[in-house]
Amino acid sequence: MRSLILIAYDISDDKRRTKIFQQLKGFGEAIQYSLFQCKLTGTERAKLRAELWEQIDHSKDRIVMIDIGPEQGRAALALDAFGQPMVDSSAHQGMLIV
């Protein structure tokens, strides 16, 4: 069963941040510059967590994974994003303060 997982990150280094962004694009959809929604099985979540764990600088960076619940259950109604749609920000470099 897949669950909706929100993944937020604060990555201090531009190169690491871009790598994390590109990796997360393979697992889900960016809904903010540093927030993704992913629909993952338990195995996929564990694999992604292990990969991200290896890539970050634990003294400077932080990643938060929030399990909203089964994608067909409450999670289907739990997330509501509106306003300007997220565009592919692959070229986004550096800090963005909004």
Protein backbone atom coordinates (compact mmCIF):
# COMPACT_ATOMS: atom_id res chain seq x y z
CA MET A 1 0.00 0.00 0.00
CA ARG A 2 1.28 3.47 -0.88
CA SER A 3 1.22 6.35 1.57
CA LEU A 4 1.37 10.06 0.88
CA ILE A 5 4.69 11.30 2.25
CA LEU A 6 5.58 14.98 2.48
CA ILE A 7 9.32 15.61 2.28
CA ALA A 8 10.73 19.00 3.24
CA TYR A 9 14.39 19.87 3.18
CA ASP A 10 16.85 22.60 4.12
CA ILE A 11 20.12 21.92 2.31
CA SER A 12 22.91 24.46 2.77
CA ASP A 13 25.03 23.62 -0.28
CA ASP A 14 23.77 24.48 -3.79
CA LYS A 15 25.22 21.34 -5.38
CA ARG A 16 23.75 19.02 -2.72
CA ARG A 17 20.41 20.84 -2.83
CA THR A 18 20.18 20.44 -6.61
CA LYS A 19 21.08 16.75 -6.34
CA ILE A 20 18.42 16.18 -3.66
CA PHE A 21 15.83 18.08 -5.75
CA GLN A 22 16.59 15.99 -8.85
CA GLN A 23 16.45 12.77 -6.85
CA LEU A 24 13.11 13.64 -5.26
CA LYS A 25 11.67 14.47 -8.71
CA GLY A 26 12.08 10.77 -9.47
CA PHE A 27 9.88 9.87 -6.51
CA GLY A 28 7.20 12.54 -6.47
CA GLU A 29 6.02 16.04 -7.26
CA ALA A 30 7.44 19.34 -6.06
CA ILE A 31 4.72 21.45 -4.47
CA GLN A 32 7.12 24.13 -3.20
CA TYR A 33 10.83 24.68 -3.88
CA SER A 34 11.81 22.57 -0.89
CA LEU A 35 8.66 20.47 -0.39
CA PHE A 36 7.69 17.32 -2.25
CA GLN A 37 4.71 15.03 -2.10
CA CYS A 38 5.51 11.41 -2.83
CA LYS A 39 3.32 8.31 -2.92
CA LEU A 40 5.58 5.56 -1.60
CA THR A 41 5.43 2.02 -0.33
CA GLY A 42 7.20 1.27 2.93
CA THR A 43 10.09 -0.26 0.98
CA GLU A 44 10.40 2.76 -1.33
CA ARG A 45 10.32 5.12 1.64
CA ALA A 46 13.06 3.20 3.45
CA LYS A 47 15.21 3.14 0.30
CA LEU A 48 14.74 6.86 -0.33
CA ARG A 49 15.49 7.69 3.31
CA ALA A 50 18.72 5.67 3.20
CA GLU A 51 19.81 7.39 -0.03
CA LEU A 52 19.04 10.87 1.31
CA TRP A 53 20.76 10.04 4.63
CA GLU A 54 23.99 9.35 2.73
CA GLN A 55 23.84 12.57 0.70
CA ILE A 56 23.31 15.25 3.32
CA ASP A 57 25.78 16.98 5.61
CA HIS A 58 24.28 16.04 8.98
CA SER A 59 25.89 19.04 10.69
CA LYS A 60 24.28 21.57 8.29
CA ASP A 61 21.32 20.03 6.43
CA ARG A 62 17.92 18.70 7.48
CA ILE A 63 15.26 16.56 5.81
CA VAL A 64 11.81 15.92 7.27
CA MET A 65 9.56 13.09 6.05
CA ILE A 66 5.91 13.23 7.16
CA ASP A 67 3.62 10.26 6.56
CA ILE A 68 0.12 11.66 5.90
CA GLY A 69 -1.40 8.19 5.54
CA PRO A 70 -2.64 5.81 2.84
CA GLU A 71 -2.99 7.56 -0.52
CA GLN A 72 -6.56 6.29 -0.92
CA GLY A 73 -7.62 7.20 2.61
CA ARG A 74 -7.55 10.47 4.52
CA ALA A 75 -4.35 11.50 2.71
CA ALA A 76 -6.32 11.99 -0.51
CA LEU A 77 -8.09 14.92 1.17
CA ALA A 78 -5.36 16.13 3.53
CA LEU A 79 -3.28 18.18 1.08
CA ASP A 80 -4.64 21.23 -0.70
CA ALA A 81 -2.20 23.32 -2.73
CA PHE A 82 -3.46 26.36 -4.60
CA GLY A 83 -2.21 29.52 -6.23
CA GLN A 84 0.56 29.69 -8.77
CA PRO A 85 1.41 26.15 -9.89
CA MET A 86 4.90 24.86 -9.21
CA VAL A 87 7.08 25.01 -12.30
CA ASP A 88 10.08 22.82 -12.95
CA SER A 89 12.81 24.62 -11.10
CA SER A 90 15.66 22.42 -12.23
CA ALA A 91 17.62 25.54 -13.04
CA HIS A 92 16.90 27.03 -9.61
CA GLN A 93 20.16 27.70 -7.84
CA GLY A 94 20.91 29.24 -4.49
CA MET A 95 18.68 30.28 -1.65
CA LEU A 96 15.15 31.45 -2.34
CA ILE A 97 13.50 33.51 0.35
CA VAL A 98 9.79 34.15 -0.04
